[in-house]
Protein backbone atom coordinates (compact mmCIF):
# COMPACT_ATOMS: atom_id res chain seq x y z
CA MET A 1 1.87 24.84 20.46
CA HIS A 2 4.73 24.73 17.98
CA ASN A 3 5.70 21.22 19.14
CA GLU A 4 2.11 19.98 18.71
CA LEU A 5 1.98 21.37 15.17
CA LYS A 6 5.33 19.76 14.38
CA ARG A 7 4.08 16.35 15.62
CA LEU A 8 0.93 16.73 13.54
CA GLU A 9 3.00 17.66 10.50
CA ASP A 10 5.19 14.59 11.03
CA LYS A 11 2.12 12.34 11.25
CA VAL A 12 0.69 13.82 8.06
CA GLU A 13 4.01 13.21 6.30
CA GLN A 14 3.99 9.60 7.53
CA LEU A 15 0.44 9.18 6.28
CA ILE A 16 1.40 10.52 2.86
CA LEU A 17 4.33 8.08 2.65
CA VAL A 18 2.20 5.09 3.71
CA ASN A 19 -0.48 6.09 1.22
CA ALA A 20 2.04 6.32 -1.61
CA ARG A 21 3.52 2.93 -0.74
CA LEU A 22 0.09 1.29 -0.57
CA ARG A 23 -0.94 2.83 -3.89
CA ALA A 24 2.22 1.48 -5.53
CA GLU A 25 1.65 -1.94 -3.98
CA ASN A 26 -1.97 -1.91 -5.15
CA HIS A 27 -0.86 -1.03 -8.68
CA HIS A 28 1.67 -3.87 -8.64
CA LEU A 29 -0.91 -6.37 -7.37
CA ARG A 30 -3.40 -5.29 -10.03
CA GLN A 31 -0.75 -5.87 -12.69
CA GLN A 32 -0.02 -9.33 -11.27
CA LEU A 33 -3.74 -10.16 -11.24
CA ALA A 34 -4.21 -9.00 -14.83
CA GLN A 35 -1.21 -11.04 -15.95
CA ALA A 36 -2.46 -14.13 -14.11
CA GLN A 37 -5.91 -13.75 -15.66
CA GLN A 38 -4.40 -13.47 -19.15
CA THR A 39 -2.31 -16.61 -18.76
CA SER A 40 -5.10 -18.69 -17.24
CA PRO A 41 -8.55 -17.16 -17.85
CA THR A 42 -10.49 -20.24 -16.67
CA GLU A 43 -8.80 -20.59 -13.30
CA PRO A 44 -9.05 -17.97 -10.51
CA ALA A 45 -5.76 -16.27 -9.70
CA ALA A 46 -4.10 -17.40 -6.49
CA ALA A 47 -4.13 -14.84 -3.72
CA THR A 48 -0.68 -13.65 -2.77
CA PRO A 49 0.08 -11.85 0.48
CA PRO A 50 1.37 -8.30 0.19
CA SER A 51 5.14 -8.06 0.10
CA THR A 52 5.24 -5.34 2.73
CA PRO A 53 2.57 -5.14 5.45
CA ALA A 54 1.07 -1.75 6.15
CA THR A 55 2.57 -0.18 9.20
CA GLU A 56 0.65 1.74 11.78
CA LEU A 57 1.34 5.39 12.27
CA ALA A 58 3.44 6.22 15.29
CA PRO A 59 1.49 7.83 18.12
């Protein structure tokens, strides 16, 4: 039972880290979008792929 709880705790920690990274990436992308819209308000901003793809949680 202790091992199962430890694995669950590890997965939750991984989830928290992934969430934090994605929130930071989202914030950065929103800043880029706002900046692109300010410099060229008549043209749509070009889509840029995320710099780091989201990783799946380990089983």
